[in-house]
PDB file of N, CA and C in Angstrom:
ATOM      1  N   MET A   1     -12.570  20.927 -20.989  1.00  0.00           N
ATOM      2  CA  MET A   1     -12.127  19.594 -21.791  1.00  0.00           C
ATOM      3  C   MET A   1     -13.207  18.735 -21.539  1.00  0.00           C
ATOM      4  N   ALA A   2     -13.955  18.595 -20.363  1.00  0.00           N
ATOM      5  CA  ALA A   2     -15.010  17.581 -20.208  1.00  0.00           C
ATOM      6  C   ALA A   2     -16.228  17.895 -21.125  1.00  0.00           C
ATOM      7  N   ASN A   3     -16.350  19.302 -21.362  1.00  0.00           N
ATOM      8  CA  ASN A   3     -17.514  19.560 -22.109  1.00  0.00           C
ATOM      9  C   ASN A   3     -17.142  19.244 -23.528  1.00  0.00           C
ATOM     10  N   LYS A   4     -15.995  19.301 -23.909  1.00  0.00           N
ATOM     11  CA  LYS A   4     -15.678  18.910 -25.466  1.00  0.00           C
ATOM     12  C   LYS A   4     -16.058  17.347 -25.708  1.00  0.00           C
ATOM     13  N   LYS A   5     -15.663  16.721 -24.649  1.00  0.00           N
ATOM     14  CA  LYS A   5     -15.978  15.153 -24.785  1.00  0.00           C
ATOM     15  C   LYS A   5     -17.480  14.830 -24.691  1.00  0.00           C
ATOM     16  N   LYS A   6     -18.167  15.667 -23.891  1.00  0.00           N
ATOM     17  CA  LYS A   6     -19.726  15.646 -23.677  1.00  0.00           C
ATOM     18  C   LYS A   6     -20.456  16.034 -24.932  1.00  0.00           C
ATOM     19  N   LYS A   7     -19.792  16.893 -25.592  1.00  0.00           N
ATOM     20  CA  LYS A   7     -20.521  17.228 -26.830  1.00  0.00           C
ATOM     21  C   LYS A   7     -20.522  16.188 -27.939  1.00  0.00           C
ATOM     22  N   LYS A   8     -19.635  15.360 -27.852  1.00  0.00           N
ATOM     23  CA  LYS A   8     -19.501  14.257 -28.915  1.00  0.00           C
ATOM     24  C   LYS A   8     -20.409  13.162 -28.604  1.00  0.00           C
ATOM     25  N   LEU A   9     -21.034  13.211 -27.414  1.00  0.00           N
ATOM     26  CA  LEU A   9     -21.898  12.018 -27.052  1.00  0.00           C
ATOM     27  C   LEU A   9     -23.306  12.351 -27.474  1.00  0.00           C
ATOM     28  N   THR A  10     -24.084  11.315 -27.613  1.00  0.00           N
ATOM     29  CA  THR A  10     -25.431  11.557 -27.977  1.00  0.00           C
ATOM     30  C   THR A  10     -26.377  11.973 -26.821  1.00  0.00           C
ATOM     31  N   PRO A  11     -27.416  12.484 -26.972  1.00  0.00           N
ATOM     32  CA  PRO A  11     -28.238  13.007 -25.718  1.00  0.00           C
ATOM     33  C   PRO A  11     -28.413  11.887 -24.755  1.00  0.00           C
ATOM     34  N   VAL A  12     -28.791  10.761 -25.139  1.00  0.00           N
ATOM     35  CA  VAL A  12     -29.023   9.702 -24.179  1.00  0.00           C
ATOM     36  C   VAL A  12     -27.713   9.172 -23.460  1.00  0.00           C
ATOM     37  N   GLN A  13     -26.615   9.357 -24.146  1.00  0.00           N
ATOM     38  CA  GLN A  13     -25.448   9.003 -23.340  1.00  0.00           C
ATOM     39  C   GLN A  13     -25.039  10.150 -22.388  1.00  0.00           C
ATOM     40  N   GLN A  14     -25.194  11.354 -22.739  1.00  0.00           N
ATOM     41  CA  GLN A  14     -25.067  12.599 -21.799  1.00  0.00           C
ATOM     42  C   GLN A  14     -26.058  12.301 -20.581  1.00  0.00           C
ATOM     43  N   GLU A  15     -27.277  12.011 -20.817  1.00  0.00           N
ATOM     44  CA  GLU A  15     -28.211  11.880 -19.668  1.00  0.00           C
ATOM     45  C   GLU A  15     -27.753  10.708 -18.775  1.00  0.00           C
ATOM     46  N   TYR A  16     -27.170   9.740 -19.398  1.00  0.00           N
ATOM     47  CA  TYR A  16     -26.700   8.497 -18.594  1.00  0.00           C
ATOM     48  C   TYR A  16     -25.498   8.979 -17.832  1.00  0.00           C
ATOM     49  N   GLN A  17     -24.630   9.680 -18.365  1.00  0.00           N
ATOM     50  CA  GLN A  17     -23.468  10.243 -17.634  1.00  0.00           C
ATOM     51  C   GLN A  17     -23.767  11.120 -16.423  1.00  0.00           C
ATOM     52  N   ASP A  18     -24.767  11.933 -16.661  1.00  0.00           N
ATOM     53  CA  ASP A  18     -25.235  12.821 -15.561  1.00  0.00           C
ATOM     54  C   ASP A  18     -25.930  11.875 -14.480  1.00  0.00           C
ATOM     55  N   PHE A  19     -26.703  10.947 -14.772  1.00  0.00           N
ATOM     56  CA  PHE A  19     -27.401  10.035 -13.890  1.00  0.00           C
ATOM     57  C   PHE A  19     -26.262   9.312 -13.118  1.00  0.00           C
ATOM     58  N   GLN A  20     -25.160   8.913 -13.859  1.00  0.00           N
ATOM     59  CA  GLN A  20     -24.127   8.269 -13.099  1.00  0.00           C
ATOM     60  C   GLN A  20     -23.304   8.959 -12.186  1.00  0.00           C
ATOM     61  N   LYS A  21     -23.168  10.294 -12.463  1.00  0.00           N
ATOM     62  CA  LYS A  21     -22.545  11.106 -11.597  1.00  0.00           C
ATOM     63  C   LYS A  21     -23.426  11.417 -10.331  1.00  0.00           C
ATOM     64  N   GLN A  22     -24.539  11.456 -10.598  1.00  0.00           N
ATOM     65  CA  GLN A  22     -25.409  11.646  -9.278  1.00  0.00           C
ATOM     66  C   GLN A  22     -25.362  10.375  -8.320  1.00  0.00           C
ATOM     67  N   ARG A  23     -25.383   9.207  -8.912  1.00  0.00           N
ATOM     68  CA  ARG A  23     -25.340   8.037  -8.107  1.00  0.00           C
ATOM     69  C   ARG A  23     -23.966   7.589  -7.703  1.00  0.00           C
ATOM     70  N   GLU A  24     -22.864   8.129  -8.074  1.00  0.00           N
ATOM     71  CA  GLU A  24     -21.633   7.721  -7.832  1.00  0.00           C
ATOM     72  C   GLU A  24     -21.156   8.020  -6.324  1.00  0.00           C
ATOM     73  N   THR A  25     -20.779   7.039  -5.654  1.00  0.00           N
ATOM     74  CA  THR A  25     -20.281   7.319  -4.043  1.00  0.00           C
ATOM     75  C   THR A  25     -19.094   8.216  -4.098  1.00  0.00           C
ATOM     76  N   LYS A  26     -19.126   9.059  -3.162  1.00  0.00           N
ATOM     77  CA  LYS A  26     -18.074  10.050  -2.917  1.00  0.00           C
ATOM     78  C   LYS A  26     -17.003   9.160  -2.123  1.00  0.00           C
ATOM     79  N   ARG A  27     -15.722   9.306  -2.615  1.00  0.00           N
ATOM     80  CA  ARG A  27     -14.611   8.698  -1.922  1.00  0.00           C
ATOM     81  C   ARG A  27     -13.996   9.655  -0.876  1.00  0.00           C
ATOM     82  N   PRO A  28     -13.694   9.090   0.376  1.00  0.00           N
ATOM     83  CA  PRO A  28     -13.230  10.004   1.422  1.00  0.00           C
ATOM     84  C   PRO A  28     -11.653  10.182   1.112  1.00  0.00           C
ATOM     85  N   LEU A  29     -11.447  11.077   0.146  1.00  0.00           N
ATOM     86  CA  LEU A  29      -9.979  11.280  -0.197  1.00  0.00           C
ATOM     87  C   LEU A  29      -8.978  11.700   0.950  1.00  0.00           C
ATOM     88  N   PHE A  30      -9.653  12.730   1.755  1.00  0.00           N
ATOM     89  CA  PHE A  30      -8.692  13.068   2.772  1.00  0.00           C
ATOM     90  C   PHE A  30      -8.359  12.047   3.807  1.00  0.00           C
ATOM     91  N   LYS A  31      -9.386  11.292   4.211  1.00  0.00           N
ATOM     92  CA  LYS A  31      -9.308  10.290   5.196  1.00  0.00           C
ATOM     93  C   LYS A  31      -8.302   9.098   4.615  1.00  0.00           C
ATOM     94  N   ASN A  32      -8.450   8.848   3.408  1.00  0.00           N
ATOM     95  CA  ASN A  32      -7.536   7.823   2.718  1.00  0.00           C
ATOM     96  C   ASN A  32      -5.975   8.394   2.735  1.00  0.00           C
ATOM     97  N   CYS A  33      -5.805   9.596   2.516  1.00  0.00           N
ATOM     98  CA  CYS A  33      -4.574  10.196   2.582  1.00  0.00           C
ATOM     99  C   CYS A  33      -4.006  10.071   3.954  1.00  0.00           C
ATOM    100  N   ILE A  34      -4.764  10.533   4.905  1.00  0.00           N
ATOM    101  CA  ILE A  34      -4.358  10.343   6.311  1.00  0.00           C
ATOM    102  C   ILE A  34      -4.005   8.832   6.648  1.00  0.00           C
ATOM    103  N   ASN A  35      -4.762   7.992   6.293  1.00  0.00           N
ATOM    104  CA  ASN A  35      -4.620   6.568   6.686  1.00  0.00           C
ATOM    105  C   ASN A  35      -3.213   6.043   5.908  1.00  0.00           C
ATOM    106  N   ALA A  36      -3.078   6.515   4.686  1.00  0.00           N
ATOM    107  CA  ALA A  36      -1.890   6.072   4.030  1.00  0.00           C
ATOM    108  C   ALA A  36      -0.671   6.690   4.660  1.00  0.00           C
ATOM    109  N   PHE A  37      -0.653   7.791   5.059  1.00  0.00           N
ATOM    110  CA  PHE A  37       0.385   8.526   5.705  1.00  0.00           C
ATOM    111  C   PHE A  37       0.727   7.842   7.141  1.00  0.00           C
ATOM    112  N   LEU A  38      -0.198   7.653   7.763  1.00  0.00           N
ATOM    113  CA  LEU A  38      -0.092   6.919   9.140  1.00  0.00           C
ATOM    114  C   LEU A  38       0.639   5.503   8.998  1.00  0.00           C
ATOM    115  N   THR A  39      -0.155   4.744   8.041  1.00  0.00           N
ATOM    116  CA  THR A  39       0.417   3.402   7.786  1.00  0.00           C
ATOM    117  C   THR A  39       1.792   3.412   7.502  1.00  0.00           C
ATOM    118  N   GLY A  40       2.158   4.253   6.451  1.00  0.00           N
ATOM    119  CA  GLY A  40       3.554   4.321   5.873  1.00  0.00           C
ATOM    120  C   GLY A  40       4.588   4.761   7.025  1.00  0.00           C
ATOM    121  N   GLY A  41       4.011   5.680   7.782  1.00  0.00           N
ATOM    122  CA  GLY A  41       4.874   6.320   8.772  1.00  0.00           C
ATOM    123  C   GLY A  41       5.147   5.229   9.987  1.00  0.00           C
ATOM    124  N   ILE A  42       4.031   4.417  10.156  1.00  0.00           N
ATOM    125  CA  ILE A  42       4.265   3.339  11.216  1.00  0.00           C
ATOM    126  C   ILE A  42       5.253   2.179  10.746  1.00  0.00           C
ATOM    127  N   ILE A  43       5.081   1.846   9.464  1.00  0.00           N
ATOM    128  CA  ILE A  43       6.059   0.967   8.854  1.00  0.00           C
ATOM    129  C   ILE A  43       7.466   1.333   8.834  1.00  0.00           C
ATOM    130  N   CYS A  44       7.770   2.668   8.610  1.00  0.00           N
ATOM    131  CA  CYS A  44       9.032   3.257   8.605  1.00  0.00           C
ATOM    132  C   CYS A  44       9.502   3.477   9.991  1.00  0.00           C
ATOM    133  N   LEU A  45       8.718   3.734  11.008  1.00  0.00           N
ATOM    134  CA  LEU A  45       9.124   3.715  12.377  1.00  0.00           C
ATOM    135  C   LEU A  45       9.488   2.370  12.797  1.00  0.00           C
ATOM    136  N   ILE A  46       8.829   1.298  12.450  1.00  0.00           N
ATOM    137  CA  ILE A  46       9.283   0.015  12.902  1.00  0.00           C
ATOM    138  C   ILE A  46      10.587  -0.286  12.197  1.00  0.00           C
ATOM    139  N   GLY A  47      10.706   0.097  10.880  1.00  0.00           N
ATOM    140  CA  GLY A  47      12.048  -0.136  10.217  1.00  0.00           C
ATOM    141  C   GLY A  47      13.182   0.575  10.951  1.00  0.00           C
ATOM    142  N   GLN A  48      12.882   1.771  11.338  1.00  0.00           N
ATOM    143  CA  GLN A  48      13.865   2.429  12.176  1.00  0.00           C
ATOM    144  C   GLN A  48      14.261   1.848  13.462  1.00  0.00           C
ATOM    145  N   GLY A  49      13.136   1.259  14.066  1.00  0.00           N
ATOM    146  CA  GLY A  49      13.415   0.572  15.413  1.00  0.00           C
ATOM    147  C   GLY A  49      14.289  -0.717  15.025  1.00  0.00           C
ATOM    148  N   ILE A  50      14.085  -1.468  14.050  1.00  0.00           N
ATOM    149  CA  ILE A  50      14.785  -2.692  13.670  1.00  0.00           C
ATOM    150  C   ILE A  50      16.239  -2.214  13.300  1.00  0.00           C
ATOM    151  N   GLN A  51      16.382  -1.151  12.575  1.00  0.00           N
ATOM    152  CA  GLN A  51      17.781  -0.647  12.340  1.00  0.00           C
ATOM    153  C   GLN A  51      18.587  -0.238  13.635  1.00  0.00           C
ATOM    154  N   THR A  52      17.947   0.465  14.446  1.00  0.00           N
ATOM    155  CA  THR A  52      18.596   0.737  15.710  1.00  0.00           C
ATOM    156  C   THR A  52      18.947  -0.545  16.501  1.00  0.00           C
ATOM    157  N   PHE A  53      18.057  -1.401  16.478  1.00  0.00           N
ATOM    158  CA  PHE A  53      18.328  -2.734  17.185  1.00  0.00           C
ATOM    159  C   PHE A  53      19.662  -3.544  16.667  1.00  0.00           C
ATOM    160  N   TYR A  54      19.736  -3.399  15.179  1.00  0.00           N
ATOM    161  CA  TYR A  54      21.031  -3.927  14.550  1.00  0.00           C
ATOM    162  C   TYR A  54      22.278  -3.243  14.955  1.00  0.00           C
ATOM    163  N   ILE A  55      22.019  -1.816  15.051  1.00  0.00           N
ATOM    164  CA  ILE A  55      23.241  -0.890  15.255  1.00  0.00           C
ATOM    165  C   ILE A  55      23.686  -1.345  16.762  1.00  0.00           C
ATOM    166  N   TYR A  56      22.826  -1.288  17.798  1.00  0.00           N
ATOM    167  CA  TYR A  56      23.245  -1.425  19.084  1.00  0.00           C
ATOM    168  C   TYR A  56      23.645  -2.747  19.620  1.00  0.00           C
ATOM    169  N   PHE A  57      22.932  -3.739  19.090  1.00  0.00           N
ATOM    170  CA  PHE A  57      23.068  -5.194  19.418  1.00  0.00           C
ATOM    171  C   PHE A  57      24.075  -5.975  18.622  1.00  0.00           C
ATOM    172  N   PHE A  58      24.272  -5.554  17.439  1.00  0.00           N
ATOM    173  CA  PHE A  58      25.150  -6.417  16.568  1.00  0.00           C
ATOM    174  C   PHE A  58      26.279  -5.647  16.019  1.00  0.00           C
ATOM    175  N   ASP A  59      26.458  -4.467  16.484  1.00  0.00           N
ATOM    176  CA  ASP A  59      27.662  -3.611  16.175  1.00  0.00           C
ATOM    177  C   ASP A  59      27.808  -3.325  14.662  1.00  0.00           C
ATOM    178  N   PHE A  60      26.656  -3.056  13.989  1.00  0.00           N
ATOM    179  CA  PHE A  60      26.642  -2.532  12.676  1.00  0.00           C
ATOM    180  C   PHE A  60      26.898  -1.012  12.671  1.00  0.00           C
ATOM    181  N   THR A  61      27.205  -0.401  11.593  1.00  0.00           N
ATOM    182  CA  THR A  61      27.343   0.846  11.317  1.00  0.00           C
ATOM    183  C   THR A  61      26.074   1.372  10.715  1.00  0.00           C
ATOM    184  N   ASP A  62      25.865   2.684  10.468  1.00  0.00           N
ATOM    185  CA  ASP A  62      24.647   3.180  10.042  1.00  0.00           C
ATOM    186  C   ASP A  62      24.413   2.683   8.540  1.00  0.00           C
ATOM    187  N   GLN A  63      25.498   2.604   7.798  1.00  0.00           N
ATOM    188  CA  GLN A  63      25.401   2.123   6.411  1.00  0.00           C
ATOM    189  C   GLN A  63      25.262   0.581   6.370  1.00  0.00           C
ATOM    190  N   THR A  64      25.864  -0.153   7.199  1.00  0.00           N
ATOM    191  CA  THR A  64      25.673  -1.573   7.055  1.00  0.00           C
ATOM    192  C   THR A  64      24.459  -2.214   7.580  1.00  0.00           C
ATOM    193  N   ALA A  65      23.886  -1.468   8.545  1.00  0.00           N
ATOM    194  CA  ALA A  65      22.620  -1.804   9.072  1.00  0.00           C
ATOM    195  C   ALA A  65      21.411  -1.957   8.075  1.00  0.00           C
ATOM    196  N   GLY A  66      21.567  -1.150   6.960  1.00  0.00           N
ATOM    197  CA  GLY A  66      20.338  -1.004   6.131  1.00  0.00           C
ATOM    198  C   GLY A  66      20.038  -2.391   5.431  1.00  0.00           C
ATOM    199  N   ASN A  67      20.908  -3.225   5.111  1.00  0.00           N
ATOM    200  CA  ASN A  67      20.622  -4.398   4.348  1.00  0.00           C
ATOM    201  C   ASN A  67      19.862  -5.405   5.154  1.00  0.00           C
ATOM    202  N   PRO A  68      20.200  -5.696   6.374  1.00  0.00           N
ATOM    203  CA  PRO A  68      19.523  -6.620   7.279  1.00  0.00           C
ATOM    204  C   PRO A  68      18.243  -6.020   7.636  1.00  0.00           C
ATOM    205  N   THR A  69      18.097  -4.544   7.766  1.00  0.00           N
ATOM    206  CA  THR A  69      16.827  -3.965   8.034  1.00  0.00           C
ATOM    207  C   THR A  69      15.826  -4.367   7.027  1.00  0.00           C
ATOM    208  N   VAL A  70      16.168  -4.135   5.782  1.00  0.00           N
ATOM    209  CA  VAL A  70      15.373  -4.354   4.714  1.00  0.00           C
ATOM    210  C   VAL A  70      14.906  -5.781   4.570  1.00  0.00           C
ATOM    211  N   ALA A  71      15.842  -6.618   4.810  1.00  0.00           N
ATOM    212  CA  ALA A  71      15.569  -8.155   4.770  1.00  0.00           C
ATOM    213  C   ALA A  71      14.603  -8.573   5.708  1.00  0.00           C
ATOM    214  N   THR A  72      14.796  -8.055   6.972  1.00  0.00           N
ATOM    215  CA  THR A  72      13.850  -8.254   8.149  1.00  0.00           C
ATOM    216  C   THR A  72      12.550  -7.665   7.797  1.00  0.00           C
ATOM    217  N   LEU A  73      12.400  -6.442   7.343  1.00  0.00           N
ATOM    218  CA  LEU A  73      11.031  -5.917   6.826  1.00  0.00           C
ATOM    219  C   LEU A  73      10.283  -6.748   5.977  1.00  0.00           C
ATOM    220  N   ILE A  74      11.160  -7.238   4.842  1.00  0.00           N
ATOM    221  CA  ILE A  74      10.586  -8.087   3.930  1.00  0.00           C
ATOM    222  C   ILE A  74      10.034  -9.364   4.414  1.00  0.00           C
ATOM    223  N   PHE A  75      10.880 -10.002   5.331  1.00  0.00           N
ATOM    224  CA  PHE A  75      10.429 -11.263   5.886  1.00  0.00           C
ATOM    225  C   PHE A  75       9.188 -11.021   6.899  1.00  0.00           C
ATOM    226  N   ILE A  76       9.105 -10.004   7.522  1.00  0.00           N
ATOM    227  CA  ILE A  76       7.947  -9.749   8.414  1.00  0.00           C
ATOM    228  C   ILE A  76       6.708  -9.596   7.486  1.00  0.00           C
ATOM    229  N   SER A  77       6.853  -8.858   6.517  1.00  0.00           N
ATOM    230  CA  SER A  77       5.701  -8.584   5.568  1.00  0.00           C
ATOM    231  C   SER A  77       5.335  -9.928   5.000  1.00  0.00           C
ATOM    232  N   MET A  78       6.166 -10.862   4.694  1.00  0.00           N
ATOM    233  CA  MET A  78       5.903 -12.026   4.065  1.00  0.00           C
ATOM    234  C   MET A  78       5.095 -12.956   5.068  1.00  0.00           C
ATOM    235  N   LEU A  79       5.516 -12.885   6.200  1.00  0.00           N
ATOM    236  CA  LEU A  79       4.857 -13.706   7.438  1.00  0.00           C
ATOM    237  C   LEU A  79       3.440 -13.142   7.556  1.00  0.00           C
ATOM    238  N   PHE A  80       3.332 -11.784   7.565  1.00  0.00           N
ATOM    239  CA  PHE A  80       2.039 -11.214   7.697  1.00  0.00           C
ATOM    240  C   PHE A  80       1.104 -11.525   6.480  1.00  0.00           C
ATOM    241  N   THR A  81       1.658 -11.558   5.357  1.00  0.00           N
ATOM    242  CA  THR A  81       0.773 -11.893   4.212  1.00  0.00           C
ATOM    243  C   THR A  81       0.439 -13.295   4.317  1.00  0.00           C
ATOM    244  N   GLY A  82       1.120 -14.213   4.628  1.00  0.00           N
ATOM    245  CA  GLY A  82       0.944 -15.595   4.752  1.00  0.00           C
ATOM    246  C   GLY A  82      -0.077 -15.799   5.800  1.00  0.00           C
ATOM    247  N   PHE A  83      -0.233 -15.243   6.977  1.00  0.00           N
ATOM    248  CA  PHE A  83      -1.202 -15.276   7.945  1.00  0.00           C
ATOM    249  C   PHE A  83      -2.524 -14.323   7.728  1.00  0.00           C
ATOM    250  N   GLY A  84      -2.466 -13.577   6.506  1.00  0.00           N
ATOM    251  CA  GLY A  84      -3.611 -12.878   6.204  1.00  0.00           C
ATOM    252  C   GLY A  84      -3.672 -11.504   6.792  1.00  0.00           C
ATOM    253  N   VAL A  85      -2.641 -11.140   7.646  1.00  0.00           N
ATOM    254  CA  VAL A  85      -2.711  -9.790   8.358  1.00  0.00           C
ATOM    255  C   VAL A  85      -2.373  -8.691   7.575  1.00  0.00           C
ATOM    256  N   TYR A  86      -1.463  -8.861   6.636  1.00  0.00           N
ATOM    257  CA  TYR A  86      -1.036  -7.641   5.697  1.00  0.00           C
ATOM    258  C   TYR A  86      -2.171  -7.267   4.846  1.00  0.00           C
ATOM    259  N   ASP A  87      -3.030  -8.058   4.417  1.00  0.00           N
ATOM    260  CA  ASP A  87      -4.228  -7.730   3.562  1.00  0.00           C
ATOM    261  C   ASP A  87      -5.096  -6.701   4.270  1.00  0.00           C
ATOM    262  N   ARG A  88      -5.275  -6.942   5.538  1.00  0.00           N
ATOM    263  CA  ARG A  88      -6.091  -5.930   6.424  1.00  0.00           C
ATOM    264  C   ARG A  88      -5.271  -4.635   6.575  1.00  0.00           C
ATOM    265  N   ILE A  89      -3.968  -4.738   6.769  1.00  0.00           N
ATOM    266  CA  ILE A  89      -3.171  -3.496   6.877  1.00  0.00           C
ATOM    267  C   ILE A  89      -3.284  -2.749   5.501  1.00  0.00           C
ATOM    268  N   ALA A  90      -3.195  -3.434   4.439  1.00  0.00           N
ATOM    269  CA  ALA A  90      -3.204  -2.754   3.159  1.00  0.00           C
ATOM    270  C   ALA A  90      -4.681  -2.198   2.879  1.00  0.00           C
ATOM    271  N   GLN A  91      -5.668  -2.907   3.260  1.00  0.00           N
ATOM    272  CA  GLN A  91      -6.975  -2.256   3.088  1.00  0.00           C
ATOM    273  C   GLN A  91      -7.172  -1.054   3.765  1.00  0.00           C
ATOM    274  N   PHE A  92      -6.560  -0.957   4.911  1.00  0.00           N
ATOM    275  CA  PHE A  92      -6.742   0.184   5.769  1.00  0.00           C
ATOM    276  C   PHE A  92      -5.838   1.380   5.175  1.00  0.00           C
ATOM    277  N   GLY A  93      -4.482   0.998   4.862  1.00  0.00           N
ATOM    278  CA  GLY A  93      -3.503   2.100   4.589  1.00  0.00           C
ATOM    279  C   GLY A  93      -3.356   2.277   3.056  1.00  0.00           C
ATOM    280  N   GLY A  94      -3.909   1.396   2.219  1.00  0.00           N
ATOM    281  CA  GLY A  94      -3.822   1.746   0.885  1.00  0.00           C
ATOM    282  C   GLY A  94      -2.416   1.772   0.374  1.00  0.00           C
ATOM    283  N   ALA A  95      -1.980   2.920  -0.228  1.00  0.00           N
ATOM    284  CA  ALA A  95      -0.633   3.074  -0.793  1.00  0.00           C
ATOM    285  C   ALA A  95       0.451   3.197   0.341  1.00  0.00           C
ATOM    286  N   GLY A  96       0.007   3.557   1.469  1.00  0.00           N
ATOM    287  CA  GLY A  96       0.970   3.693   2.600  1.00  0.00           C
ATOM    288  C   GLY A  96       1.570   2.302   2.885  1.00  0.00           C
ATOM    289  N   SER A  97       0.940   1.195   2.616  1.00  0.00           N
ATOM    290  CA  SER A  97       1.436   0.023   2.901  1.00  0.00           C
ATOM    291  C   SER A  97       2.251  -0.609   1.525  1.00  0.00           C
ATOM    292  N   ALA A  98       1.935  -0.058   0.464  1.00  0.00           N
ATOM    293  CA  ALA A  98       2.440  -0.448  -0.945  1.00  0.00           C
ATOM    294  C   ALA A  98       3.861   0.103  -1.244  1.00  0.00           C
ATOM    295  N   VAL A  99       3.992   1.378  -0.725  1.00  0.00           N
ATOM    296  CA  VAL A  99       5.222   2.094  -1.095  1.00  0.00           C
ATOM    297  C   VAL A  99       6.456   1.618  -0.486  1.00  0.00           C
ATOM    298  N   PRO A 100       6.386   1.424   0.828  1.00  0.00           N
ATOM    299  CA  PRO A 100       7.710   0.930   1.468  1.00  0.00           C
ATOM    300  C   PRO A 100       8.117  -0.463   0.953  1.00  0.00           C
ATOM    301  N   VAL A 101       9.104  -0.981   1.416  1.00  0.00           N
ATOM    302  CA  VAL A 101       9.753  -2.149   0.882  1.00  0.00           C
ATOM    303  C   VAL A 101       8.782  -3.309   1.231  1.00  0.00           C
ATOM    304  N   THR A 102       7.948  -3.290   2.281  1.00  0.00           N
ATOM    305  CA  THR A 102       7.014  -4.262   2.677  1.00  0.00           C
ATOM    306  C   THR A 102       6.083  -4.462   1.537  1.00  0.00           C
ATOM    307  N   GLY A 103       5.762  -3.429   0.660  1.00  0.00           N
ATOM    308  CA  GLY A 103       4.877  -3.884  -0.411  1.00  0.00           C
ATOM    309  C   GLY A 103       5.481  -4.866  -1.436  1.00  0.00           C
ATOM    310  N   PHE A 104       6.804  -4.701  -1.531  1.00  0.00           N
ATOM    311  CA  PHE A 104       7.599  -5.731  -2.431  1.00  0.00           C
ATOM    312  C   PHE A 104       7.386  -7.116  -1.804  1.00  0.00           C
ATOM    313  N   GLY A 105       7.647  -7.321  -0.609  1.00  0.00           N
ATOM    314  CA  GLY A 105       7.523  -8.614   0.063  1.00  0.00           C
ATOM    315  C   GLY A 105       6.021  -9.166  -0.075  1.00  0.00           C
ATOM    316  N   ASN A 106       5.090  -8.277   0.107  1.00  0.00           N
ATOM    317  CA  ASN A 106       3.709  -8.646   0.000  1.00  0.00           C
ATOM    318  C   ASN A 106       3.402  -9.030  -1.457  1.00  0.00           C
ATOM    319  N   ALA A 107       3.973  -8.394  -2.493  1.00  0.00           N
ATOM    320  CA  ALA A 107       3.681  -8.839  -3.845  1.00  0.00           C
ATOM    321  C   ALA A 107       4.355  -9.982  -4.153  1.00  0.00           C
ATOM    322  N   VAL A 108       5.388 -10.333  -3.644  1.00  0.00           N
ATOM    323  CA  VAL A 108       6.248 -11.711  -3.995  1.00  0.00           C
ATOM    324  C   VAL A 108       5.524 -12.700  -3.390  1.00  0.00           C
ATOM    325  N   ILE A 109       5.173 -12.709  -2.129  1.00  0.00           N
ATOM    326  CA  ILE A 109       4.494 -13.798  -1.608  1.00  0.00           C
ATOM    327  C   ILE A 109       3.179 -13.986  -1.933  1.00  0.00           C
ATOM    328  N   SER A 110       2.427 -12.980  -2.183  1.00  0.00           N
ATOM    329  CA  SER A 110       0.962 -12.999  -2.824  1.00  0.00           C
ATOM    330  C   SER A 110       1.013 -13.842  -4.100  1.00  0.00           C
ATOM    331  N   ALA A 111       1.937 -13.557  -5.081  1.00  0.00           N
ATOM    332  CA  ALA A 111       2.075 -14.307  -6.205  1.00  0.00           C
ATOM    333  C   ALA A 111       2.273 -15.779  -6.026  1.00  0.00           C
ATOM    334  N   ALA A 112       3.272 -15.895  -4.941  1.00  0.00           N
ATOM    335  CA  ALA A 112       3.589 -17.301  -4.685  1.00  0.00           C
ATOM    336  C   ALA A 112       2.407 -18.030  -4.092  1.00  0.00           C
ATOM    337  N   ILE A 113       1.653 -17.616  -3.392  1.00  0.00           N
ATOM    338  CA  ILE A 113       0.562 -18.077  -2.742  1.00  0.00           C
ATOM    339  C   ILE A 113      -0.647 -18.320  -3.803  1.00  0.00           C
ATOM    340  N   GLU A 114      -0.900 -17.310  -4.608  1.00  0.00           N
ATOM    341  CA  GLU A 114      -1.781 -17.390  -5.699  1.00  0.00           C
ATOM    342  C   GLU A 114      -1.432 -18.618  -6.688  1.00  0.00           C
ATOM    343  N   HIS A 115      -0.109 -18.806  -7.023  1.00  0.00           N
ATOM    344  CA  HIS A 115       0.393 -19.792  -7.830  1.00  0.00           C
ATOM    345  C   HIS A 115       0.135 -21.158  -7.289  1.00  0.00           C
ATOM    346  N   ARG A 116       0.431 -21.293  -6.036  1.00  0.00           N
ATOM    347  CA  ARG A 116       0.255 -22.590  -5.295  1.00  0.00           C
ATOM    348  C   ARG A 116      -1.057 -23.030  -5.302  1.00  0.00           C
ATOM    349  N   THR A 117      -2.139 -22.120  -5.185  1.00  0.00           N
ATOM    350  CA  THR A 117      -3.484 -22.521  -5.091  1.00  0.00           C
ATOM    351  C   THR A 117      -3.995 -23.022  -6.428  1.00  0.00           C
ATOM    352  N   GLU A 118      -3.279 -22.539  -7.577  1.00  0.00           N
ATOM    353  CA  GLU A 118      -3.691 -23.119  -8.957  1.00  0.00           C
ATOM    354  C   GLU A 118      -3.146 -24.417  -9.223  1.00  0.00           C
TER     355      GLU A 118
END
């Protein structure tokens, strides 16, 4: 497939693409996957701890403890975003920090902070 696209290019364009591939920095894909897995796992572990806290100390059931747990995680991620901590977590974890519900809290508060600066 790539060769078909390459045939449509002029020789100068083909030479430039070859040059670009030689100079392109290699991304540490395996390391990034491990970082995302660990970050997402730690966020979920914290969420499970918060849910257990609500179950034992506030007499919630397994089904009713979900909503306050989600609200707490969103609130914590909003605080971390406001203090600039969540950006460093997202830089390290990538999609591992964006996929859980904390990514939603980060997106909401980031837009609000950006709008306020304008």
